[in-house]
Amino acid sequence: MSKKVLLFLSQGFEEYEAGVFTDVIGWSREIGVEPVDMVSTALRPEIKCKWNLIVRPEIEFDEVNIDDYDALAIPGGFKNSGFYEDVFDERFQHVIREFDRNKKIIAAVCAAAAPVAKSGVLKNRDATTYDLSDVYGRGFLADMGVNVLDKHVVVDENIITSTGPATGIDVAFKLLEMLTSAKNVDEVKKYMRFTNR
């Protein structure tokens, strides 16, 4: 049975940071040696992204059964677009805690490290986030008890965090590797033309 990722889309999320997950997991499903499925959800029936793309999640948030998923993917977003309204909502905070409690992978790009930290699951653990951020940047993580590292991508057991949009593709490939294998990632990278092999 193939692994399955839950993609959480918040108001004001950054399109590219969601796109890295949908593309890498999509290519894995299409040509990977170990296919992975992905389903998107949100607290709203329709979401306006940072750069004005309008999207509709595949399933309603209330229909999510955490037991059906092996990983949670969270794209970052912008405060002035409503990002933190959704990711700091207690309903989603509960989902983060449940994924971590069950040792399932949580992959957070850029500002998405903030809700992971707010949930409490990063206390006394290593992580990173956007380094040019406002109130919910590295200082916020430190206030939440996180050991903040100045690295592009940080993996602490089941949690992946990163510093910005450019790291999104690395986070997506790391998520795929943790769910499946390095061989599967190599196959996907080959067909996506990240390698010449």
Foldseek 3Di string as FASTA:
>chain_A
DAAEEEEEDEAFFAPLLSVLQCQLLVLCLVWFPGHYYYFYEYQDQWHQYNVGDIDGGPDYPVPDDLVRHQEYEYGHGDVVRPRCVGLQPVSNLVSLVVCVVVLGAYQYEALSVQSNLVSLSQAVHEEAHAPVDDPSHPVSSVVSRHPYDPDQWDDTRRYIYGHHSVCSNVSSLVNVCVRPHPRRSVRSCCVVVVDVD
